[in-house]
Amino acid sequence: MSGARIVLWLNLTLRSARSLGRARFMEGQPQRPTNPFSMENGTVPCGEKRPPEAKETTVSEGAAKIAFPSANEVFYNPVQEFNRDLTCAVITEFARIQLGAKGIQIKVPGEKDVQKVVVDLSEQEEDKAELKEGANMDPGDEPQTAAVGEICEEGLRVLEGLAASGLRSIRFAREVPGLQSVVANDASARAVDLIRHNVQLNKVAHLVQPSQADARMLMYQHQRVSERFEVIDLDPYGSPASFLDAAVQAVSEGGLLCVTCTDMAVLAGNSGETCYSKYGAMALKSRAAPEQALRIVLHSLDLRANCYQRFVVPLLSISADFYVRVFVRVFTGQAKVKASASKQALVFQCVGCGAFHLQRLGKASGAPGGRVKFSAACGPPVAPECEHCGQRHQIGGPVWAEPIHDLDFVGRILEAVSTNPSRFHTSERIRGVLSVVTEELLDVPLYYTLDQLSSTIHCSTPSLLQLRSALLHAGFRVSLSHACKNAVKTDAPASVLWDIMRCWEKECPVKRERLSETSPAFRILSVEPRLQANFTIRDDANPSSRQRGLKRFQANPEANWGPRPRARPRGKTVGEAMEDRRKLFQNKRKELAEDPAQRAARLKTFPCKRFKEGTCQRGDQCCYSHRSPTPKATAEATCTNCPQTPNQNPPGPGATAGPGID
């Protein structure tokens, strides 16, 4: 027992000495102030070094000025300036319509003080009555006005569900007139502290209300009609699918819902099953993937709204840079919800030539008494094999098959931006994109591309004006698309397009002997065209936006132009190691440059497929091997497929025999 007591006494003495030494060491170190940007919820994980104090960086955009930690650059992404400018322009015109119905005029900085008569298309009769009442007003009575930065008691209540630094909400408060309140919400306590700091910095505390909550729970708590928001803006990192159900319930009757999706890999068909789990639709790999993504998002919004007897009306749908952005109004009406099935369609797309056909899910037809009868549609619109190339079809969707823009609303935004170009930094690009939108064929979903048509038959590419002129000469309509600069959006069937390409191939012949008989190009070109195309360029083939030289499709202005990485806890940054890693993996799938002799020797190791089929006519000039496999190699391949027996592979010295041993 005496030995145990001695050991215990020694342990206690050593522990006291270590504590005293640590305390003396800490007394000699200078006390550093805690950095609010380097911690989350006031804690630092054990075993991790505290990052150095982050320097605050100030950025100005529009009329707002925000401060953010330079240690976490994801709080500000200059790529999204176009998105924020366009959103401010859309909400301004929406406020003009909503408040104009109440007799309130909005004052936008930079606009001339001219009274604009705004007519809401959904309530024309009420507006006419209000205009008559306004005509009978006394000359001394002035209409009520709403200015930027002032609280409008009958104005719009705006919610930004995922505010981050609060830049978008602050810009709303400083640039959009007719607002009652703006709720800048974020689930991160660190982000909400940053929002409060920026709100005080911009002196908009009377309009912007910081909120820390889960965006879904916050919207679910505002389902009552009296508590709903007139405008809800969702711009998450990635997919907004988890927020859509709550959003369609929390927006007011006829309210504006603004949604951004940056998960373009999913919406473009790289993972169809993931797209179905998030948006309820299968995405196909297609040249029209940007517009397909817009129509999938609109379908998902309408599908979720239908669960609550509500439906959506698209105002503007934009595909830009690396994301898609939709602006829709949400209404309630059981009769209108019944028509939603006839607004959705499946997409049948050929895997060979890319020709597509749409099949509506529902059918709306007239009935006696002025009623509308809804029934299931009949289909499919295609045969089991493609009529042009003989390949099979893939089925995608459902997608939104109705117009994705409201041209009247788009025209209002375009006019406001054109007359006041100094309001936004990206006004030139907004004008260009919206001008192309007004030229699109609204009743024609999806599109083909110029390079897709020419690459399918392996011919040279005609100019855009030549192909558009050929379609116009044939009596069909054609337009561009804001989502792709080489798009050909037309109401001509695929048979007409391939007839035009056959006529073009006759002017620029293709070497038929190099085409496989089973390829789509061979089968398409083996049919004589029934339509004689005229490629003479017409004056109306060149769209107005192209003639005026507007900035329609912006080139990347700097390196790494795209989405920023996901926000990291405790303000960790992407350091030099990550940059080196990016450079290391660039072009990793591309073949390295090699000597021609080495390349020829390497290709000779691969067997020629046409030689096996008996169709290779190159003989010794073929770059692939014409040697048949040797019997020894065949026997070895056969033995490798046979189950092993103890006699074939006897155990070596020291091996353990027994059941379960390979």
Foldseek 3Di string as FASTA:
>chain_A
DVVVVVVVVVVVVVVVVVVVVVVVVVVPDDDDDDALLQAFPPDDDPPDDGDPHFDWDWDDFFLFIAIDTPLFPQLDAPLCQVVLVVVLLLVQLVQQQVVLLVQEAEDFPQDDPDDDRHADPVPRVSSVVVVVVVVPDDPVDDTHYWYAQDADPPFFEEEELAQQQVPSVLCCRHGHTRHHAYEREHQTPSSLVNNVVRCVVSVSCNHYDYYHDHSLVVLQVQLDQVRAGLEYEYDDDADCLVRLLSNLRRHHAQGKYKYKHLNLCQQQQVDQVVLCVRQVKGHHNAPLSQLSSQQSNQLSNQVSNLVVQKGKDWADWDDADRMIMTMITMHHDNVVNLCSQQQWWKWKAFPALGFIDTGGQKDWDADPPRDIDIDGGDDDPADQAHPQQRGGIDIIDRTGQAFNHDLVSLVVSLVVCVSRVVSRPCSLQSNLASLLVNFDDRNFGTWHFQVSNCVSLVWDTDDQQLLLQQQVVVPWDWGAHLNDPRTTGIPDHPLSVLLVVLLVCVVTPDDLVPDDCNHSNNRNNVDHRPDNTDRDGDPVSQDPSVVVPGCRHDDDPDPPNDNDDDGDHSSHHCDPVNVVVVVVCPPVVPDDDDDPVVVLVVQQVAADPCLVVVNDPCPPNDSYHNDDDDVVVVVVVVVVPDDDDCVVPPDDPPDDDDPPDD
